[in-house]
Protein backbone atom coordinates (compact mmCIF):
# COMPACT_ATOMS: atom_id res chain seq x y z
CA MET A 1 -34.33 -3.73 -35.53
CA PRO A 2 -31.78 -6.24 -34.22
CA SER A 3 -32.51 -8.56 -31.33
CA PHE A 4 -30.21 -9.24 -28.36
CA THR A 5 -30.18 -12.31 -26.17
CA TYR A 6 -29.27 -11.44 -22.60
CA THR A 7 -28.59 -13.03 -19.25
CA ALA A 8 -28.78 -10.70 -16.24
CA ARG A 9 -29.33 -10.48 -12.50
CA ASP A 10 -31.59 -8.17 -10.56
CA LYS A 11 -30.81 -6.34 -7.30
CA SER A 12 -31.68 -9.41 -5.21
CA GLY A 13 -29.31 -11.59 -7.24
CA ALA A 14 -32.00 -13.55 -9.09
CA ALA A 15 -30.97 -14.58 -12.61
CA SER A 16 -33.12 -13.88 -15.65
CA SER A 17 -32.73 -14.21 -19.40
CA GLY A 18 -34.60 -13.25 -22.52
CA VAL A 19 -34.58 -11.47 -25.84
CA LEU A 20 -34.59 -7.69 -26.23
CA ASP A 21 -35.10 -5.56 -29.36
CA ALA A 22 -32.96 -2.44 -29.51
CA PRO A 23 -31.36 -0.25 -32.20
CA SER A 24 -27.84 -0.98 -30.94
CA ARG A 25 -25.95 -2.88 -28.28
CA ARG A 26 -25.56 0.26 -26.19
CA ASP A 27 -29.29 0.91 -26.24
CA ALA A 28 -29.91 -2.69 -25.17
CA LEU A 29 -27.56 -2.25 -22.19
CA ARG A 30 -29.25 0.97 -21.16
CA ARG A 31 -32.71 -0.61 -21.34
CA LEU A 32 -31.58 -3.50 -19.14
CA GLN A 33 -30.05 -1.10 -16.61
CA THR A 34 -33.26 0.94 -16.63
CA ARG A 35 -35.13 -2.20 -15.64
CA GLY A 36 -32.75 -2.66 -12.69
CA LEU A 37 -30.91 -5.58 -14.30
CA GLN A 38 -27.15 -6.09 -14.29
CA PRO A 39 -26.25 -7.92 -17.55
CA THR A 40 -23.76 -10.75 -17.34
CA GLN A 41 -24.00 -11.71 -21.00
CA LEU A 42 -25.38 -9.87 -24.05
CA THR A 43 -25.14 -11.23 -27.58
CA GLU A 44 -26.74 -10.05 -30.82
CA SER A 45 -28.92 -12.77 -32.26
CA THR A 46 -29.61 -11.32 -35.72
CA GLY A 47 -27.92 -9.02 -38.21
CA ALA A 48 -24.27 -8.16 -38.72
CA LYS A 49 -24.70 -4.57 -39.86
CA PRO A 50 -26.18 -3.33 -36.60
CA ALA A 51 -23.16 -4.74 -34.81
CA ARG A 52 -20.91 -2.69 -37.08
CA SER A 53 -23.05 0.39 -36.51
CA ALA A 54 -22.88 -0.22 -32.80
CA LYS A 55 -19.13 -0.30 -33.03
CA LYS A 56 -19.18 2.93 -35.01
CA SER A 57 -21.41 4.60 -32.46
CA ALA A 58 -19.15 3.41 -29.68
CA ALA A 59 -16.02 4.59 -31.44
CA PRO A 60 -16.26 8.26 -30.37
CA HIS A 61 -16.56 7.21 -26.76
CA ALA A 62 -13.64 4.81 -27.06
CA ALA A 63 -11.58 7.49 -28.77
CA ALA A 64 -12.45 9.94 -26.06
CA ALA A 65 -11.37 7.47 -23.40
CA ALA A 66 -8.16 6.37 -25.12
CA PRO A 67 -6.14 9.56 -24.50
CA VAL A 68 -6.85 9.23 -20.79
CA LYS A 69 -5.16 5.81 -20.66
CA ALA A 70 -2.30 6.87 -22.95
CA LEU A 71 -1.02 9.76 -20.87
CA PRO A 72 1.05 8.25 -18.04
CA ALA A 73 2.40 11.61 -16.88
CA SER A 74 -0.83 13.56 -17.14
CA LYS A 75 -2.46 15.10 -14.12
CA SER A 76 -5.70 13.39 -15.12
CA THR A 77 -4.20 9.90 -15.27
CA PRO A 78 -5.75 7.81 -12.45
CA THR A 79 -3.51 6.21 -9.83
CA ALA A 80 -3.96 3.80 -6.95
CA LYS A 81 -5.06 6.73 -4.75
CA GLU A 82 -8.33 6.89 -6.68
CA ARG A 83 -9.25 3.28 -5.88
CA LEU A 84 -10.79 3.82 -2.45
CA PRO A 85 -12.68 7.07 -3.30
CA PHE A 86 -14.12 5.41 -6.41
CA MET A 87 -15.31 2.36 -4.50
CA GLU A 88 -16.83 4.46 -1.73
CA SER A 89 -18.74 6.62 -4.23
CA LEU A 90 -19.83 3.58 -6.26
CA ALA A 91 -21.06 1.74 -3.16
CA ASP A 92 -23.04 4.78 -1.99
CA LEU A 93 -24.89 5.03 -5.32
CA ILE A 94 -25.56 1.28 -5.47
CA ARG A 95 -27.01 1.42 -1.95
CA GLY A 96 -29.29 4.17 -3.25
CA GLY A 97 -30.80 1.80 -5.81
CA LEU A 98 -28.75 2.45 -8.94
CA SER A 99 -27.19 -0.31 -10.97
CA ALA A 100 -23.41 -0.45 -11.25
CA GLY A 101 -23.47 0.89 -14.81
CA GLU A 102 -25.75 3.83 -14.01
CA ALA A 103 -23.66 4.61 -10.91
CA VAL A 104 -20.46 4.76 -12.97
CA ARG A 105 -22.18 6.90 -15.60
CA LEU A 106 -23.39 9.34 -12.96
CA LEU A 107 -19.94 9.51 -11.37
CA SER A 108 -18.35 10.26 -14.75
CA VAL A 109 -20.54 13.39 -14.95
CA ARG A 110 -20.73 14.53 -11.33
CA VAL A 111 -17.24 13.93 -9.97
CA SER A 112 -15.08 17.07 -9.97
CA GLN A 113 -11.68 15.59 -9.07
CA PRO A 114 -9.82 15.30 -12.43
CA ARG A 115 -8.20 11.90 -11.98
CA LEU A 116 -11.26 10.29 -10.46
CA ARG A 117 -13.49 11.76 -13.16
CA SER A 118 -11.13 10.49 -15.86
CA LEU A 119 -11.27 7.02 -14.31
CA CYS A 120 -15.07 7.02 -14.16
CA ALA A 121 -15.37 8.29 -17.74
CA SER A 122 -13.09 5.57 -19.04
CA LEU A 123 -14.92 2.89 -17.06
CA TRP A 124 -18.28 4.11 -18.37
CA SER A 125 -16.96 4.01 -21.93
CA SER A 126 -15.99 0.36 -21.45
CA LEU A 127 -19.29 -0.51 -19.75
CA SER A 128 -21.29 1.11 -22.55
CA GLU A 129 -19.48 -1.12 -25.04
CA GLY A 130 -20.75 -4.22 -23.25
CA GLN A 131 -17.92 -5.05 -20.85
CA THR A 132 -18.57 -6.11 -17.29
CA LEU A 133 -17.45 -3.93 -14.40
CA SER A 134 -14.64 -6.32 -13.51
CA GLY A 135 -13.46 -6.31 -17.14
CA ALA A 136 -13.48 -2.53 -17.20
CA LEU A 137 -11.51 -2.39 -13.94
CA GLY A 138 -8.95 -4.77 -15.44
CA GLN A 139 -7.98 -2.09 -17.96
CA PHE A 140 -6.46 -0.06 -15.10
CA PRO A 141 -3.92 -2.35 -13.39
CA GLN A 142 -2.21 0.70 -11.91
CA VAL A 143 -5.40 1.43 -9.95
CA PHE A 144 -7.04 -1.96 -9.27
CA ASP A 145 -5.02 -5.00 -8.26
CA GLY A 146 -5.83 -8.58 -9.21
CA GLN A 147 -7.63 -9.49 -6.02
CA THR A 148 -9.97 -6.49 -6.34
CA ILE A 149 -10.86 -7.40 -9.91
CA ASN A 150 -11.47 -11.05 -9.01
CA LEU A 151 -13.68 -10.11 -6.07
CA VAL A 152 -15.75 -7.73 -8.19
CA ALA A 153 -16.13 -10.46 -10.81
CA ALA A 154 -17.32 -12.87 -8.12
CA GLY A 155 -19.77 -10.25 -6.84
CA GLU A 156 -21.17 -9.74 -10.34
CA ALA A 157 -21.57 -13.49 -10.88
CA THR A 158 -23.37 -14.04 -7.56
CA GLY A 159 -25.35 -10.79 -7.49
CA ASN A 160 -23.60 -9.65 -4.26
CA LEU A 161 -21.67 -6.73 -5.72
CA ARG A 162 -22.76 -4.34 -2.97
CA ASP A 163 -21.52 -6.67 -0.21
CA VAL A 164 -18.25 -7.21 -2.04
CA LEU A 165 -17.71 -3.46 -2.36
CA ASP A 166 -18.45 -2.93 1.33
CA ARG A 167 -15.88 -5.54 2.34
CA LEU A 168 -13.29 -4.14 -0.04
CA ILE A 169 -13.88 -0.63 1.29
CA THR A 170 -13.39 -1.88 4.85
CA HIS A 171 -10.23 -3.71 3.83
CA PHE A 172 -8.64 -0.78 2.00
CA THR A 173 -9.70 1.68 4.70
CA GLU A 174 -7.96 -0.38 7.36
CA GLN A 175 -4.84 -0.60 5.19
CA LYS A 176 -4.89 3.17 4.73
CA GLU A 177 -5.28 3.75 8.46
CA LEU A 178 -2.39 1.37 9.16
CA ARG A 179 -0.10 3.22 6.74
CA ALA A 180 -1.13 6.55 8.27
CA LYS A 181 -0.46 5.23 11.77
CA LEU A 182 2.95 3.95 10.72
CA ALA A 183 3.84 7.29 9.14
CA ALA A 184 2.68 9.16 12.25
CA ALA A 185 4.67 6.83 14.50
CA LEU A 186 7.85 7.42 12.51
CA ALA A 187 7.38 11.15 12.01
CA TYR A 188 8.43 12.24 15.50
CA PRO A 189 11.58 10.06 15.77
CA VAL A 190 12.69 11.19 12.32
CA PHE A 191 12.10 14.83 13.26
CA VAL A 192 14.08 14.45 16.49
CA CYS A 193 16.94 12.74 14.62
CA PHE A 194 17.14 15.53 12.06
CA LEU A 195 16.99 18.18 14.80
CA ALA A 196 19.72 16.50 16.85
CA GLY A 197 21.86 16.02 13.75
CA GLY A 198 21.45 19.68 12.87
CA VAL A 199 22.55 20.78 16.34
CA ILE A 200 25.60 18.51 16.24
CA LEU A 201 26.64 19.71 12.79
CA PHE A 202 26.17 23.34 13.87
CA PHE A 203 28.58 22.84 16.77
CA LEU A 204 31.14 20.87 14.79
CA PHE A 205 31.23 23.01 11.65
CA PHE A 206 30.46 26.51 12.97
CA LEU A 207 31.24 26.93 16.67
CA LEU A 208 34.24 24.66 17.18
CA PRO A 209 36.46 26.14 14.44
CA ARG A 210 35.92 29.61 15.95
CA LEU A 211 36.50 28.26 19.45
CA LYS A 212 39.74 26.65 18.34
CA GLY A 213 40.96 29.95 16.89
CA LEU A 214 40.08 31.78 20.10
CA LEU A 215 41.78 29.25 22.38
CA SER A 216 44.85 29.02 20.14
CA SER A 217 45.27 32.80 20.27
CA LEU A 218 45.16 32.66 24.06
CA GLY A 219 47.80 29.92 24.20
CA GLY A 220 48.05 27.03 26.62
CA GLU A 221 47.34 23.32 26.48
CA LEU A 222 43.79 22.29 25.60
CA PRO A 223 42.03 19.57 27.63
CA TRP A 224 41.34 16.15 26.04
CA ALA A 225 37.62 16.82 25.58
CA THR A 226 38.30 19.99 23.59
CA LYS A 227 40.96 18.23 21.50
CA LEU A 228 38.52 15.44 20.70
CA LEU A 229 35.86 17.90 19.53
CA VAL A 230 38.32 19.95 17.46
CA ASN A 231 39.85 16.87 15.83
CA SER A 232 36.36 15.53 15.04
CA SER A 233 35.41 18.82 13.44
CA GLU A 234 38.58 18.84 11.31
CA PHE A 235 38.04 15.22 10.27
CA LEU A 236 34.45 15.91 9.17
CA LEU A 237 35.47 19.06 7.33
CA ARG A 238 38.20 17.17 5.48
CA TYR A 239 36.48 13.85 4.77
CA GLY A 240 32.79 14.70 5.14
CA VAL A 241 32.31 15.13 1.39
CA VAL A 242 33.77 11.67 0.82
CA GLY A 243 31.31 10.23 3.31
CA ILE A 244 28.35 11.94 1.64
CA ILE A 245 29.46 10.65 -1.77
CA ALA A 246 29.81 7.14 -0.37
CA VAL A 247 26.27 7.29 1.07
CA VAL A 248 24.83 8.54 -2.24
CA VAL A 249 26.64 5.80 -4.19
CA GLY A 250 25.39 3.20 -1.70
CA VAL A 251 21.79 4.38 -2.07
CA ILE A 252 22.04 4.31 -5.87
CA PHE A 253 23.56 0.83 -5.80
CA LEU A 254 20.83 -0.42 -3.46
CA THR A 255 18.11 1.10 -5.64
CA GLN A 256 19.51 -0.43 -8.81
CA SER A 257 19.97 -3.85 -7.19
CA ARG A 258 16.35 -3.90 -6.00
CA ARG A 259 15.20 -3.55 -9.60
CA THR A 260 16.39 -7.10 -10.25
CA ALA A 261 14.67 -10.18 -8.83
CA ALA A 262 17.84 -11.52 -7.21
CA GLY A 263 18.76 -8.15 -5.69
CA ARG A 264 15.27 -7.59 -4.30
CA LEU A 265 15.23 -11.06 -2.78
CA ALA A 266 18.66 -10.52 -1.20
CA THR A 267 17.80 -7.13 0.31
CA ASP A 268 14.44 -8.36 1.60
CA ALA A 269 16.14 -11.36 3.21
CA LEU A 270 18.67 -8.98 4.80
CA ALA A 271 15.82 -6.85 6.18
CA LEU A 272 14.47 -9.91 8.00
CA ARG A 273 17.78 -10.23 9.88
CA LEU A 274 17.66 -6.68 11.22
CA PRO A 275 15.87 -6.49 14.60
CA ILE A 276 13.59 -3.49 14.08
CA LEU A 277 12.91 -3.91 10.35
CA SER A 278 12.13 -7.60 10.80
CA GLY A 279 9.55 -6.73 13.47
CA PHE A 280 7.78 -4.33 11.12
CA ALA A 281 7.97 -6.69 8.14
CA ILE A 282 6.73 -9.81 9.94
CA ARG A 283 3.90 -8.19 11.90
CA GLY A 284 2.70 -6.18 8.92
CA THR A 285 2.84 -9.22 6.63
CA VAL A 286 0.88 -11.46 9.00
CA LEU A 287 -1.76 -8.76 9.48
CA ASN A 288 -2.18 -8.05 5.77
CA PHE A 289 -2.18 -11.74 4.78
CA ALA A 290 -4.78 -12.76 7.38
CA HIS A 291 -7.09 -9.85 6.60
CA THR A 292 -6.80 -10.26 2.83
CA LEU A 293 -7.41 -14.01 3.00
CA ALA A 294 -10.48 -13.45 5.18
CA VAL A 295 -11.93 -10.93 2.70
CA LEU A 296 -11.36 -13.30 -0.22
CA LEU A 297 -12.92 -16.30 1.51
CA GLU A 298 -15.94 -14.26 2.67
CA ASN A 299 -16.67 -13.31 -0.93
CA GLY A 300 -16.82 -16.84 -2.29
CA ILE A 301 -13.29 -17.22 -3.66
CA THR A 302 -12.02 -20.79 -3.38
CA THR A 303 -9.32 -21.50 -0.81
CA ALA A 304 -6.70 -22.29 -3.45
CA GLU A 305 -7.35 -19.11 -5.44
CA ALA A 306 -7.63 -17.04 -2.25
CA LEU A 307 -4.23 -18.24 -1.06
CA ARG A 308 -2.65 -17.42 -4.41
CA LEU A 309 -4.15 -13.94 -4.39
CA ALA A 310 -3.26 -13.30 -0.75
CA GLU A 311 0.36 -14.32 -1.16
CA ARG A 312 0.76 -11.77 -3.98
CA THR A 313 0.03 -8.98 -1.50
CA VAL A 314 3.18 -9.85 0.49
CA ALA A 315 5.69 -7.10 -0.26
CA ASN A 316 8.79 -8.84 1.10
CA GLU A 317 10.07 -11.28 -1.53
CA ALA A 318 11.71 -13.58 1.02
CA LEU A 319 8.47 -13.88 2.97
CA ARG A 320 6.47 -14.30 -0.24
CA ALA A 321 8.58 -17.33 -1.14
CA ARG A 322 7.68 -18.89 2.21
CA PHE A 323 3.98 -18.25 1.63
CA GLN A 324 4.19 -19.74 -1.85
CA GLU A 325 5.66 -22.90 -0.38
CA ALA A 326 2.91 -22.97 2.25
CA THR A 327 0.24 -22.59 -0.46
CA ASN A 328 1.74 -25.49 -2.40
CA ARG A 329 1.58 -27.65 0.73
CA VAL A 330 -2.07 -26.71 1.29
CA LEU A 331 -2.89 -27.67 -2.31
CA GLU A 332 -1.20 -31.01 -1.67
CA GLY A 333 -3.58 -31.65 1.21
CA GLU A 334 -1.80 -30.26 4.25
CA ALA A 335 -3.77 -28.25 6.81
CA LEU A 336 -3.52 -24.48 6.47
CA SER A 337 -2.36 -23.97 10.06
CA THR A 338 0.38 -26.59 9.62
CA ALA A 339 1.56 -25.13 6.31
CA LEU A 340 1.64 -21.57 7.66
CA GLY A 341 3.50 -22.79 10.74
CA ARG A 342 6.36 -23.86 8.46
CA THR A 343 6.88 -20.23 7.42
CA GLY A 344 8.29 -19.48 10.86
CA ILE A 345 6.60 -16.10 11.25
CA PHE A 346 3.31 -17.07 12.92
CA GLU A 347 3.17 -17.26 16.70
CA PRO A 348 2.13 -20.66 18.12
CA LEU A 349 -1.00 -19.19 19.73
CA LEU A 350 -2.15 -17.75 16.40
CA LEU A 351 -1.61 -21.12 14.72
CA ASP A 352 -3.66 -22.82 17.44
CA ARG A 353 -6.52 -20.39 16.86
CA LEU A 354 -6.27 -20.94 13.12
CA SER A 355 -6.36 -24.71 13.59
CA VAL A 356 -9.52 -24.44 15.69
CA SER A 357 -11.15 -22.26 13.03
CA GLU A 358 -10.34 -24.86 10.38
CA GLN A 359 -11.84 -27.67 12.42
CA THR A 360 -15.03 -25.74 13.19
CA GLY A 361 -15.51 -24.56 9.60
CA SER A 362 -15.24 -20.86 10.50
CA LEU A 363 -11.95 -20.09 8.77
CA ALA A 364 -12.83 -16.57 7.56
CA PRO A 365 -14.07 -15.30 10.99
CA GLY A 366 -11.03 -16.90 12.61
CA LEU A 367 -8.71 -15.09 10.21
CA ARG A 368 -10.46 -11.80 11.02
CA ASP A 369 -9.88 -12.40 14.73
CA ILE A 370 -6.23 -13.15 14.03
CA ALA A 371 -5.97 -9.94 11.99
CA ARG A 372 -7.41 -7.92 14.90
CA THR A 373 -4.89 -9.50 17.27
CA CYS A 374 -2.04 -8.73 14.88
CA ARG A 375 -3.23 -5.14 14.56
CA SER A 376 -3.21 -4.74 18.34
CA GLN A 377 0.30 -6.22 18.53
CA LEU A 378 1.52 -3.95 15.75
CA ASP A 379 0.07 -0.89 17.49
CA LYS A 380 1.88 -1.81 20.71
CA PHE A 381 5.09 -2.42 18.78
CA LEU A 382 4.83 0.97 17.08
CA ASN A 383 4.17 2.74 20.36
CA THR A 384 7.12 1.04 22.04
CA PHE A 385 9.38 1.72 19.06
CA THR A 386 8.38 5.38 18.89
CA THR A 387 8.90 5.93 22.60
CA SER A 388 12.27 4.14 22.64
CA ILE A 389 13.65 5.89 19.58
CA SER A 390 12.50 9.33 20.73
CA ALA A 391 13.95 8.84 24.21
CA GLY A 392 17.22 7.43 22.84
CA VAL A 393 17.71 10.27 20.37
CA LEU A 394 16.93 12.93 22.97
CA VAL A 395 19.33 11.37 25.49
CA ALA A 396 22.08 11.14 22.85
CA ALA A 397 21.54 14.74 21.73
CA PHE A 398 21.50 16.14 25.27
CA SER A 399 24.58 14.07 26.18
CA PHE A 400 26.48 15.43 23.22
CA VAL A 401 25.46 19.01 24.00
CA ALA A 402 26.51 18.50 27.61
CA PHE A 403 29.86 17.11 26.46
CA ILE A 404 30.38 20.14 24.21
CA ALA A 405 29.55 22.46 27.08
CA TYR A 406 31.99 20.59 29.33
CA ALA A 407 34.73 20.76 26.68
CA ILE A 408 34.27 24.51 26.19
CA VAL A 409 34.08 25.37 29.88
CA SER A 410 37.05 23.17 30.79
CA ALA A 411 39.12 24.74 28.00
CA VAL A 412 38.27 28.25 29.18
CA PHE A 413 39.20 27.43 32.78
CA LYS A 414 42.45 25.72 31.79
CA VAL A 415 43.53 28.55 29.52
CA SER A 416 42.59 31.21 32.09
CA SER A 417 44.51 29.40 34.84
CA SER A 418 47.68 29.67 32.78
CA PHE A 419 47.55 33.47 32.80
CA ARG A 420 50.14 35.29 34.97
CA PHE A 421 49.13 38.57 36.54
C-alpha cells in the first residue's frame, strides 16, 4: 500500500504533517477530511504504479465533469449568478463542522438547481483529484473572479476559510443589493418615459392625421398650434423611419467600438463628461473600490496586491487608468490618501478620513466607514435622480397633452366661427 506525505490544517487553523497509508490519493484525501483536516499539500512518497491507478480511478470523475465545462450554451453551465448561492451554502455547511471538501461533496449531491449542482459536481471532481479549493475555483473564471480566488487561497493557507467566506458573502450581498436598488430606482422613470412617449406617438400618428382630414373638410384657416402639430406628424411619418435606422446604426457602431480597447476607453471617458452618468460612475466606483480594498486587507492580502486586485474591479476604463497610476505611486512610496487624491474623484473629506486611518494603522476599518458614507451618498443621489426624472417626464407629458388639447379646441372654435348661418 502506498504512503502519502501530507501537510494539513485543522478547524482551528493549527498546522500538522505526517505520513498516511492509503490505497490511492483519493482515499488519502478522504481519510484526512474525515479527521477534520484540510490538506494543503499531499504527495505520494513511494510507488509509481499506485499514482497511475489513482489517475485511472479519477478519470471517470474527470470525464464526467468535463462535459459540464465544455458546454457554454447549456442550461447546466454555471454562471456568475451561482457564485453567491454557492458561497452561502458552502459557508453554512462549514459552520456546521464539515470540511470544505466534504461540504462541496454534499452540495454536489443535495443541490437541486441544475447550474449550481453542475458547479458543485465539477468542483468536487477537482477536489477529489487533490486540488485545493482555490485551484478548483480557478477553473471557472466565468463564475469566480481573481480576487475571490486569491482570498480563498489566503483563507486556506491561514486556516481562516470560514471568515473569508463570510466576508465575501457580505461583500457580494451588498453589491447585489446595490444593483437591485439601482434597477429599482431607474425602473419608474423608464416606465414613465415609455408611457409618455407612447401617448405622444398615439396623438401624432393616429389622432392628428384624422383631425387634419376633419378640419380640412370643414374649411377655414387653422391656428398656429394646430399647424405645428400637423406638420410635426407629417414630418415624423415621412422621416421617422430614417431616424429609427440612424439610431439602430448608432447603437451598433457604439457596441462594436466598445469591443476594442481604444473605443471602450473613449466611450468611458465620454461618460465621465456627462452630468448624470458621471455621478453614477464616480460614486459607484468609489464605493466598490473602498469596500473591495477593505475586504482584501481584512483577509491578509498585502497592500500592493490588494490595490492591484481592487483596481481590476473598476468597470470604467478611464477611471481604472487613474487607479492604476495611483497604485504605482503607492508602490513608489507615496501615501495612499495622497495617491488617491490625484485621481480627482475622491472628496476632500473622504481623503482626510483615509489619511487618519493610515496614520492610526486602521486602514481597513477606515475604508469600510468610507464605503458606508459613499453608499449613503449614492442612495441620496438615486432618490434625487428618480424624483427629478419622474417629475420632469410627467410635467413634459402633461404639457404636451395640454398643448394638443389647446390646438384641437382652438381649431374647432376657429373653424366653427367661420360658418355662416
